[in-house]
PDB file of all heavy atoms in Angstrom:
ATOM      1  N   LEU A   1     -53.904 -10.994-216.531  1.00  0.00           N
ATOM      2  CA  LEU A   1     -53.279 -12.156-215.999  1.00  0.00           C
ATOM      3  C   LEU A   1     -51.741 -11.921-215.668  1.00  0.00           C
ATOM      4  O   LEU A   1     -51.246 -12.505-214.799  1.00  0.00           O
ATOM      5  CB  LEU A   1     -53.357 -13.313-217.071  1.00  0.00           C
ATOM      6  CG  LEU A   1     -54.762 -13.854-217.281  1.00  0.00           C
ATOM      7  CD1 LEU A   1     -54.771 -14.881-218.499  1.00  0.00           C
ATOM      8  CD2 LEU A   1     -55.258 -14.536-216.033  1.00  0.00           C
ATOM      9  N   ARG A   2     -51.174 -11.026-216.394  1.00  0.00           N
ATOM     10  CA  ARG A   2     -49.773 -10.648-216.037  1.00  0.00           C
ATOM     11  C   ARG A   2     -49.651  -9.746-214.776  1.00  0.00           C
ATOM     12  O   ARG A   2     -48.609  -9.709-214.178  1.00  0.00           O
ATOM     13  CB  ARG A   2     -49.052  -9.940-217.234  1.00  0.00           C
ATOM     14  CG  ARG A   2     -48.829 -10.807-218.417  1.00  0.00           C
ATOM     15  CD  ARG A   2     -48.179 -10.102-219.587  1.00  0.00           C
ATOM     16  NE  ARG A   2     -48.171 -10.917-220.770  1.00  0.00           N
ATOM     17  CZ  ARG A   2     -48.907 -10.686-221.771  1.00  0.00           C
ATOM     18  NH1 ARG A   2     -49.723  -9.698-221.940  1.00  0.00           N
ATOM     19  NH2 ARG A   2     -48.882 -11.523-222.793  1.00  0.00           N
ATOM     20  N   GLY A   3     -50.707  -9.166-214.407  1.00  0.00           N
ATOM     21  CA  GLY A   3     -50.715  -8.233-213.296  1.00  0.00           C
ATOM     22  C   GLY A   3     -50.794  -8.850-211.851  1.00  0.00           C
ATOM     23  O   GLY A   3     -50.728 -10.096-211.817  1.00  0.00           O
ATOM     24  N   ALA A   4     -50.862  -8.124-210.810  1.00  0.00           N
ATOM     25  CA  ALA A   4     -50.787  -8.492-209.498  1.00  0.00           C
ATOM     26  C   ALA A   4     -51.898  -9.320-209.054  1.00  0.00           C
ATOM     27  O   ALA A   4     -51.812 -10.155-208.151  1.00  0.00           O
ATOM     28  CB  ALA A   4     -50.780  -7.233-208.630  1.00  0.00           C
ATOM     29  N   ASP A   5     -53.112  -9.315-209.730  1.00  0.00           N
ATOM     30  CA  ASP A   5     -54.199 -10.112-209.391  1.00  0.00           C
ATOM     31  C   ASP A   5     -53.895 -11.597-209.712  1.00  0.00           C
ATOM     32  O   ASP A   5     -54.559 -12.498-209.126  1.00  0.00           O
ATOM     33  CB  ASP A   5     -55.494  -9.757-210.172  1.00  0.00           C
ATOM     34  CG  ASP A   5     -56.156  -8.368-209.723  1.00  0.00           C
ATOM     35  OD1 ASP A   5     -55.922  -8.095-208.506  1.00  0.00           O
ATOM     36  OD2 ASP A   5     -56.897  -7.784-210.438  1.00  0.00           O
ATOM     37  N   PHE A   6     -53.042 -11.853-210.646  1.00  0.00           N
ATOM     38  CA  PHE A   6     -52.762 -13.207-211.034  1.00  0.00           C
ATOM     39  C   PHE A   6     -51.240 -13.608-210.983  1.00  0.00           C
ATOM     40  O   PHE A   6     -50.839 -13.762-210.004  1.00  0.00           O
ATOM     41  CB  PHE A   6     -53.362 -13.469-212.427  1.00  0.00           C
ATOM     42  CG  PHE A   6     -54.854 -13.630-212.498  1.00  0.00           C
ATOM     43  CD1 PHE A   6     -55.635 -12.508-212.850  1.00  0.00           C
ATOM     44  CD2 PHE A   6     -55.565 -14.776-212.232  1.00  0.00           C
ATOM     45  CE1 PHE A   6     -56.948 -12.485-212.816  1.00  0.00           C
ATOM     46  CE2 PHE A   6     -56.900 -14.799-212.118  1.00  0.00           C
ATOM     47  CZ  PHE A   6     -57.685 -13.680-212.540  1.00  0.00           C
ATOM     48  N   PHE A   7     -50.607 -13.557-212.159  1.00  0.00           N
ATOM     49  CA  PHE A   7     -49.241 -14.119-212.076  1.00  0.00           C
ATOM     50  C   PHE A   7     -48.162 -12.989-211.579  1.00  0.00           C
ATOM     51  O   PHE A   7     -47.042 -13.478-211.310  1.00  0.00           O
ATOM     52  CB  PHE A   7     -48.779 -14.539-213.565  1.00  0.00           C
ATOM     53  CG  PHE A   7     -49.540 -15.755-213.972  1.00  0.00           C
ATOM     54  CD1 PHE A   7     -50.420 -15.683-215.030  1.00  0.00           C
ATOM     55  CD2 PHE A   7     -49.339 -17.014-213.373  1.00  0.00           C
ATOM     56  CE1 PHE A   7     -51.145 -16.934-215.418  1.00  0.00           C
ATOM     57  CE2 PHE A   7     -49.957 -18.116-213.703  1.00  0.00           C
ATOM     58  CZ  PHE A   7     -50.891 -18.027-214.845  1.00  0.00           C
ATOM     59  N   ASP A   8     -48.502 -11.813-211.537  1.00  0.00           N
ATOM     60  CA  ASP A   8     -47.595 -10.779-211.032  1.00  0.00           C
ATOM     61  C   ASP A   8     -46.218 -10.994-211.647  1.00  0.00           C
ATOM     62  O   ASP A   8     -45.200 -11.128-210.910  1.00  0.00           O
ATOM     63  CB  ASP A   8     -47.558 -10.884-209.458  1.00  0.00           C
ATOM     64  CG  ASP A   8     -46.899  -9.756-208.821  1.00  0.00           C
ATOM     65  OD1 ASP A   8     -46.635  -8.614-209.493  1.00  0.00           O
ATOM     66  OD2 ASP A   8     -46.475  -9.882-207.635  1.00  0.00           O
ATOM     67  N   VAL A   9     -46.152 -10.850-212.994  1.00  0.00           N
ATOM     68  CA  VAL A   9     -44.915 -11.070-213.660  1.00  0.00           C
ATOM     69  C   VAL A   9     -43.809 -10.216-213.337  1.00  0.00           C
ATOM     70  O   VAL A   9     -42.682 -10.460-213.570  1.00  0.00           O
ATOM     71  CB  VAL A   9     -45.157 -11.327-215.241  1.00  0.00           C
ATOM     72  CG1 VAL A   9     -46.071 -12.424-215.509  1.00  0.00           C
ATOM     73  CG2 VAL A   9     -45.607  -9.980-215.815  1.00  0.00           C
ATOM     74  N   ALA A  10     -44.189  -9.017-212.898  1.00  0.00           N
ATOM     75  CA  ALA A  10     -43.107  -8.017-212.630  1.00  0.00           C
ATOM     76  C   ALA A  10     -42.254  -8.484-211.401  1.00  0.00           C
ATOM     77  O   ALA A  10     -41.037  -8.327-211.380  1.00  0.00           O
ATOM     78  CB  ALA A  10     -43.713  -6.604-212.158  1.00  0.00           C
ATOM     79  N   ASN A  11     -42.845  -9.239-210.531  1.00  0.00           N
ATOM     80  CA  ASN A  11     -42.139  -9.723-209.341  1.00  0.00           C
ATOM     81  C   ASN A  11     -41.871 -11.241-209.465  1.00  0.00           C
ATOM     82  O   ASN A  11     -40.870 -11.732-208.785  1.00  0.00           O
ATOM     83  CB  ASN A  11     -42.993  -9.497-208.056  1.00  0.00           C
ATOM     84  CG  ASN A  11     -43.074  -8.123-207.707  1.00  0.00           C
ATOM     85  OD1 ASN A  11     -42.062  -7.361-207.626  1.00  0.00           O
ATOM     86  ND2 ASN A  11     -44.302  -7.577-207.646  1.00  0.00           N
ATOM     87  N   HIS A  12     -42.570 -12.001-210.395  1.00  0.00           N
ATOM     88  CA  HIS A  12     -42.369 -13.401-210.476  1.00  0.00           C
ATOM     89  C   HIS A  12     -42.449 -13.806-211.996  1.00  0.00           C
ATOM     90  O   HIS A  12     -43.427 -14.336-212.402  1.00  0.00           O
ATOM     91  CB  HIS A  12     -43.514 -14.142-209.734  1.00  0.00           C
ATOM     92  CG  HIS A  12     -43.536 -13.752-208.268  1.00  0.00           C
ATOM     93  ND1 HIS A  12     -42.637 -14.147-207.365  1.00  0.00           N
ATOM     94  CD2 HIS A  12     -44.441 -12.924-207.647  1.00  0.00           C
ATOM     95  CE1 HIS A  12     -42.992 -13.660-206.167  1.00  0.00           C
ATOM     96  NE2 HIS A  12     -44.019 -12.965-206.293  1.00  0.00           N
ATOM     97  N   PRO A  13     -41.417 -13.527-212.728  1.00  0.00           N
ATOM     98  CA  PRO A  13     -41.481 -13.714-214.148  1.00  0.00           C
ATOM     99  C   PRO A  13     -41.469 -15.099-214.647  1.00  0.00           C
ATOM    100  O   PRO A  13     -41.833 -15.379-215.678  1.00  0.00           O
ATOM    101  CB  PRO A  13     -40.147 -12.921-214.654  1.00  0.00           C
ATOM    102  CG  PRO A  13     -39.219 -13.029-213.393  1.00  0.00           C
ATOM    103  CD  PRO A  13     -40.072 -12.944-212.225  1.00  0.00           C
ATOM    104  N   GLU A  14     -41.177 -16.102-213.814  1.00  0.00           N
ATOM    105  CA  GLU A  14     -41.057 -17.368-214.240  1.00  0.00           C
ATOM    106  C   GLU A  14     -41.987 -18.293-213.366  1.00  0.00           C
ATOM    107  O   GLU A  14     -42.232 -18.172-212.208  1.00  0.00           O
ATOM    108  CB  GLU A  14     -39.665 -17.984-214.187  1.00  0.00           C
ATOM    109  CG  GLU A  14     -38.720 -17.293-215.084  1.00  0.00           C
ATOM    110  CD  GLU A  14     -37.270 -17.946-214.895  1.00  0.00           C
ATOM    111  OE1 GLU A  14     -36.930 -18.446-213.867  1.00  0.00           O
ATOM    112  OE2 GLU A  14     -36.548 -17.799-215.859  1.00  0.00           O
ATOM    113  N   ILE A  15     -42.483 -19.362-214.116  1.00  0.00           N
ATOM    114  CA  ILE A  15     -43.213 -20.494-213.404  1.00  0.00           C
ATOM    115  C   ILE A  15     -42.295 -21.662-213.670  1.00  0.00           C
ATOM    116  O   ILE A  15     -41.872 -21.920-214.797  1.00  0.00           O
ATOM    117  CB  ILE A  15     -44.597 -20.663-214.178  1.00  0.00           C
ATOM    118  CG1 ILE A  15     -45.564 -19.452-213.889  1.00  0.00           C
ATOM    119  CG2 ILE A  15     -45.363 -21.949-213.523  1.00  0.00           C
ATOM    120  CD1 ILE A  15     -46.805 -19.461-214.761  1.00  0.00           C
ATOM    121  N   THR A  16     -41.996 -22.441-212.596  1.00  0.00           N
ATOM    122  CA  THR A  16     -41.138 -23.516-212.683  1.00  0.00           C
ATOM    123  C   THR A  16     -41.708 -24.865-212.287  1.00  0.00           C
ATOM    124  O   THR A  16     -42.476 -24.715-211.187  1.00  0.00           O
ATOM    125  CB  THR A  16     -39.857 -23.304-212.008  1.00  0.00           C
ATOM    126  OG1 THR A  16     -40.076 -23.171-210.648  1.00  0.00           O
ATOM    127  CG2 THR A  16     -39.080 -22.118-212.535  1.00  0.00           C
ATOM    128  N   PHE A  17     -41.431 -25.818-212.928  1.00  0.00           N
ATOM    129  CA  PHE A  17     -41.731 -27.133-212.396  1.00  0.00           C
ATOM    130  C   PHE A  17     -40.465 -27.999-212.193  1.00  0.00           C
ATOM    131  O   PHE A  17     -39.741 -28.282-213.210  1.00  0.00           O
ATOM    132  CB  PHE A  17     -42.728 -27.967-213.300  1.00  0.00           C
ATOM    133  CG  PHE A  17     -43.121 -29.201-212.725  1.00  0.00           C
ATOM    134  CD1 PHE A  17     -44.188 -29.248-211.884  1.00  0.00           C
ATOM    135  CD2 PHE A  17     -42.554 -30.521-213.115  1.00  0.00           C
ATOM    136  CE1 PHE A  17     -44.602 -30.473-211.230  1.00  0.00           C
ATOM    137  CE2 PHE A  17     -42.964 -31.619-212.512  1.00  0.00           C
ATOM    138  CZ  PHE A  17     -44.025 -31.624-211.565  1.00  0.00           C
ATOM    139  N   ALA A  18     -40.033 -28.232-211.049  1.00  0.00           N
ATOM    140  CA  ALA A  18     -38.820 -29.068-210.684  1.00  0.00           C
ATOM    141  C   ALA A  18     -39.151 -30.543-210.614  1.00  0.00           C
ATOM    142  O   ALA A  18     -39.885 -30.834-209.605  1.00  0.00           O
ATOM    143  CB  ALA A  18     -38.119 -28.449-209.519  1.00  0.00           C
ATOM    144  N   VAL A  19     -38.736 -31.256-211.491  1.00  0.00           N
ATOM    145  CA  VAL A  19     -39.013 -32.721-211.504  1.00  0.00           C
ATOM    146  C   VAL A  19     -38.110 -33.402-210.403  1.00  0.00           C
ATOM    147  O   VAL A  19     -36.819 -33.363-210.653  1.00  0.00           O
ATOM    148  CB  VAL A  19     -38.872 -33.350-212.917  1.00  0.00           C
ATOM    149  CG1 VAL A  19     -39.026 -34.846-212.767  1.00  0.00           C
ATOM    150  CG2 VAL A  19     -39.773 -32.713-213.849  1.00  0.00           C
ATOM    151  N   ARG A  20     -38.587 -33.966-209.340  1.00  0.00           N
ATOM    152  CA  ARG A  20     -37.732 -34.569-208.335  1.00  0.00           C
ATOM    153  C   ARG A  20     -37.476 -36.047-208.794  1.00  0.00           C
ATOM    154  O   ARG A  20     -36.469 -36.638-208.555  1.00  0.00           O
ATOM    155  CB  ARG A  20     -38.434 -34.546-207.023  1.00  0.00           C
ATOM    156  CG  ARG A  20     -38.789 -33.203-206.565  1.00  0.00           C
ATOM    157  CD  ARG A  20     -37.558 -32.423-206.066  1.00  0.00           C
ATOM    158  NE  ARG A  20     -37.876 -31.158-205.502  1.00  0.00           N
ATOM    159  CZ  ARG A  20     -37.347 -30.072-205.841  1.00  0.00           C
ATOM    160  NH1 ARG A  20     -36.515 -29.954-206.862  1.00  0.00           N
ATOM    161  NH2 ARG A  20     -37.801 -28.784-205.329  1.00  0.00           N
ATOM    162  N   SER A  21     -38.585 -36.728-209.441  1.00  0.00           N
ATOM    163  CA  SER A  21     -38.374 -37.986-210.026  1.00  0.00           C
ATOM    164  C   SER A  21     -39.375 -38.244-211.047  1.00  0.00           C
ATOM    165  O   SER A  21     -40.575 -37.792-210.971  1.00  0.00           O
ATOM    166  CB  SER A  21     -38.585 -39.083-208.860  1.00  0.00           C
ATOM    167  OG  SER A  21     -39.868 -39.277-208.528  1.00  0.00           O
ATOM    168  N   ALA A  22     -38.984 -38.894-212.155  1.00  0.00           N
ATOM    169  CA  ALA A  22     -39.858 -39.320-213.209  1.00  0.00           C
ATOM    170  C   ALA A  22     -39.500 -40.700-213.554  1.00  0.00           C
ATOM    171  O   ALA A  22     -38.320 -41.024-213.785  1.00  0.00           O
ATOM    172  CB  ALA A  22     -39.627 -38.443-214.399  1.00  0.00           C
ATOM    173  N   GLU A  23     -40.422 -41.663-213.402  1.00  0.00           N
ATOM    174  CA  GLU A  23     -40.156 -43.124-213.728  1.00  0.00           C
ATOM    175  C   GLU A  23     -41.130 -43.649-214.613  1.00  0.00           C
ATOM    176  O   GLU A  23     -42.371 -43.479-214.517  1.00  0.00           O
ATOM    177  CB  GLU A  23     -40.252 -43.801-212.282  1.00  0.00           C
ATOM    178  CG  GLU A  23     -39.160 -43.326-211.323  1.00  0.00           C
ATOM    179  CD  GLU A  23     -39.407 -44.052-209.892  1.00  0.00           C
ATOM    180  OE1 GLU A  23     -40.249 -44.800-209.724  1.00  0.00           O
ATOM    181  OE2 GLU A  23     -38.587 -43.747-209.024  1.00  0.00           O
ATOM    182  N   VAL A  24     -40.583 -44.454-215.544  1.00  0.00           N
ATOM    183  CA  VAL A  24     -41.431 -45.118-216.548  1.00  0.00           C
ATOM    184  C   VAL A  24     -42.045 -46.336-215.748  1.00  0.00           C
ATOM    185  O   VAL A  24     -41.336 -47.136-215.116  1.00  0.00           O
ATOM    186  CB  VAL A  24     -40.657 -45.528-217.726  1.00  0.00           C
ATOM    187  CG1 VAL A  24     -41.574 -46.381-218.749  1.00  0.00           C
ATOM    188  CG2 VAL A  24     -40.028 -44.342-218.463  1.00  0.00           C
ATOM    189  N   ARG A  25     -43.428 -46.450-215.896  1.00  0.00           N
ATOM    190  CA  ARG A  25     -44.147 -47.560-215.284  1.00  0.00           C
ATOM    191  C   ARG A  25     -45.103 -48.082-216.374  1.00  0.00           C
ATOM    192  O   ARG A  25     -45.644 -47.255-217.236  1.00  0.00           O
ATOM    193  CB  ARG A  25     -44.914 -47.090-214.131  1.00  0.00           C
ATOM    194  CG  ARG A  25     -44.019 -46.649-212.960  1.00  0.00           C
ATOM    195  CD  ARG A  25     -44.874 -46.185-211.752  1.00  0.00           C
ATOM    196  NE  ARG A  25     -44.068 -45.711-210.726  1.00  0.00           N
ATOM    197  CZ  ARG A  25     -44.439 -45.110-209.646  1.00  0.00           C
ATOM    198  NH1 ARG A  25     -45.857 -44.941-209.521  1.00  0.00           N
ATOM    199  NH2 ARG A  25     -43.656 -44.701-208.665  1.00  0.00           N
ATOM    200  N   ASP A  26     -45.478 -49.297-216.347  1.00  0.00           N
ATOM    201  CA  ASP A  26     -46.546 -49.878-217.243  1.00  0.00           C
ATOM    202  C   ASP A  26     -46.405 -49.480-218.561  1.00  0.00           C
ATOM    203  O   ASP A  26     -47.306 -48.864-219.178  1.00  0.00           O
ATOM    204  CB  ASP A  26     -47.924 -49.457-216.719  1.00  0.00           C
ATOM    205  CG  ASP A  26     -48.170 -49.848-215.294  1.00  0.00           C
ATOM    206  OD1 ASP A  26     -47.728 -50.911-214.840  1.00  0.00           O
ATOM    207  OD2 ASP A  26     -48.824 -49.146-214.457  1.00  0.00           O
ATOM    208  N   GLY A  27     -45.193 -49.773-219.165  1.00  0.00           N
ATOM    209  CA  GLY A  27     -45.007 -49.539-220.554  1.00  0.00           C
ATOM    210  C   GLY A  27     -44.599 -48.051-220.907  1.00  0.00           C
ATOM    211  O   GLY A  27     -43.465 -47.666-220.732  1.00  0.00           O
ATOM    212  N   ASP A  28     -45.671 -47.221-221.366  1.00  0.00           N
ATOM    213  CA  ASP A  28     -45.347 -45.934-221.795  1.00  0.00           C
ATOM    214  C   ASP A  28     -45.804 -44.932-220.738  1.00  0.00           C
ATOM    215  O   ASP A  28     -45.708 -43.607-221.064  1.00  0.00           O
ATOM    216  CB  ASP A  28     -45.996 -45.654-223.066  1.00  0.00           C
ATOM    217  CG  ASP A  28     -47.476 -45.648-223.091  1.00  0.00           C
ATOM    218  OD1 ASP A  28     -48.115 -46.124-222.006  1.00  0.00           O
ATOM    219  OD2 ASP A  28     -48.188 -45.392-224.120  1.00  0.00           O
ATOM    220  N   GLN A  29     -46.267 -45.371-219.600  1.00  0.00           N
ATOM    221  CA  GLN A  29     -46.733 -44.339-218.515  1.00  0.00           C
ATOM    222  C   GLN A  29     -45.455 -43.822-217.710  1.00  0.00           C
ATOM    223  O   GLN A  29     -44.542 -44.596-217.503  1.00  0.00           O
ATOM    224  CB  GLN A  29     -47.668 -44.999-217.477  1.00  0.00           C
ATOM    225  CG  GLN A  29     -48.924 -45.632-218.215  1.00  0.00           C
ATOM    226  CD  GLN A  29     -49.736 -44.559-218.899  1.00  0.00           C
ATOM    227  OE1 GLN A  29     -50.179 -43.499-218.310  1.00  0.00           O
ATOM    228  NE2 GLN A  29     -49.989 -44.755-220.227  1.00  0.00           N
ATOM    229  N   VAL A  30     -45.537 -42.445-217.406  1.00  0.00           N
ATOM    230  CA  VAL A  30     -44.386 -41.932-216.657  1.00  0.00           C
ATOM    231  C   VAL A  30     -45.070 -41.267-215.484  1.00  0.00           C
ATOM    232  O   VAL A  30     -45.827 -40.269-215.579  1.00  0.00           O
ATOM    233  CB  VAL A  30     -43.628 -40.779-217.536  1.00  0.00           C
ATOM    234  CG1 VAL A  30     -42.538 -40.132-216.620  1.00  0.00           C
ATOM    235  CG2 VAL A  30     -43.095 -41.357-218.817  1.00  0.00           C
ATOM    236  N   HIS A  31     -44.591 -41.730-214.287  1.00  0.00           N
ATOM    237  CA  HIS A  31     -45.140 -41.145-213.050  1.00  0.00           C
ATOM    238  C   HIS A  31     -44.075 -40.020-212.645  1.00  0.00           C
ATOM    239  O   HIS A  31     -42.874 -40.278-212.462  1.00  0.00           O
ATOM    240  CB  HIS A  31     -45.132 -42.235-211.871  1.00  0.00           C
ATOM    241  CG  HIS A  31     -45.659 -41.598-210.614  1.00  0.00           C
ATOM    242  ND1 HIS A  31     -46.960 -41.137-210.512  1.00  0.00           N
ATOM    243  CD2 HIS A  31     -45.032 -41.421-209.433  1.00  0.00           C
ATOM    244  CE1 HIS A  31     -47.140 -40.765-209.206  1.00  0.00           C
ATOM    245  NE2 HIS A  31     -45.953 -40.842-208.515  1.00  0.00           N
ATOM    246  N   VAL A  32     -44.626 -38.824-212.555  1.00  0.00           N
ATOM    247  CA  VAL A  32     -43.751 -37.626-212.192  1.00  0.00           C
ATOM    248  C   VAL A  32     -44.169 -36.998-210.970  1.00  0.00           C
ATOM    249  O   VAL A  32     -45.249 -36.866-210.612  1.00  0.00           O
ATOM    250  CB  VAL A  32     -43.992 -36.665-213.311  1.00  0.00           C
ATOM    251  CG1 VAL A  32     -43.153 -35.320-213.123  1.00  0.00           C
ATOM    252  CG2 VAL A  32     -43.670 -37.190-214.812  1.00  0.00           C
ATOM    253  N   VAL A  33     -43.163 -36.796-210.118  1.00  0.00           N
ATOM    254  CA  VAL A  33     -43.254 -36.183-208.804  1.00  0.00           C
ATOM    255  C   VAL A  33     -42.384 -34.878-208.856  1.00  0.00           C
ATOM    256  O   VAL A  33     -41.190 -34.959-209.208  1.00  0.00           O
ATOM    257  CB  VAL A  33     -42.867 -37.023-207.646  1.00  0.00           C
ATOM    258  CG1 VAL A  33     -42.948 -36.356-206.342  1.00  0.00           C
ATOM    259  CG2 VAL A  33     -43.725 -38.355-207.647  1.00  0.00           C
ATOM    260  N   GLY A  34     -42.929 -33.748-208.516  1.00  0.00           N
ATOM    261  CA  GLY A  34     -42.127 -32.573-208.468  1.00  0.00           C
ATOM    262  C   GLY A  34     -42.734 -31.484-207.607  1.00  0.00           C
ATOM    263  O   GLY A  34     -43.652 -31.713-206.803  1.00  0.00           O
ATOM    264  N   GLN A  35     -42.147 -30.280-207.953  1.00  0.00           N
ATOM    265  CA  GLN A  35     -42.440 -29.050-207.161  1.00  0.00           C
ATOM    266  C   GLN A  35     -42.809 -27.940-208.157  1.00  0.00           C
ATOM    267  O   GLN A  35     -42.000 -27.619-209.069  1.00  0.00           O
ATOM    268  CB  GLN A  35     -41.313 -28.697-206.356  1.00  0.00           C
ATOM    269  CG  GLN A  35     -41.525 -27.670-205.250  1.00  0.00           C
ATOM    270  CD  GLN A  35     -42.138 -28.329-204.004  1.00  0.00           C
ATOM    271  OE1 GLN A  35     -42.256 -29.593-203.837  1.00  0.00           O
ATOM    272  NE2 GLN A  35     -42.548 -27.578-203.003  1.00  0.00           N
ATOM    273  N   LEU A  36     -44.106 -27.556-208.159  1.00  0.00           N
ATOM    274  CA  LEU A  36     -44.583 -26.526-208.995  1.00  0.00           C
ATOM    275  C   LEU A  36     -44.494 -25.065-208.224  1.00  0.00           C
ATOM    276  O   LEU A  36     -44.859 -25.008-207.139  1.00  0.00           O
ATOM    277  CB  LEU A  36     -46.017 -26.646-209.331  1.00  0.00           C
ATOM    278  CG  LEU A  36     -46.659 -25.597-210.306  1.00  0.00           C
ATOM    279  CD1 LEU A  36     -45.900 -25.538-211.611  1.00  0.00           C
ATOM    280  CD2 LEU A  36     -48.112 -25.939-210.542  1.00  0.00           C
TER     281      LEU A  36
END
């Protein structure tokens, strides 16, 4: 999984999720929009 067939961690060591917006809706629900 760390190798070139999958995550290729030598060239791409991080996986990031950039949250562009997170808004609380309907009590405890959070609608999240971002970039993976």
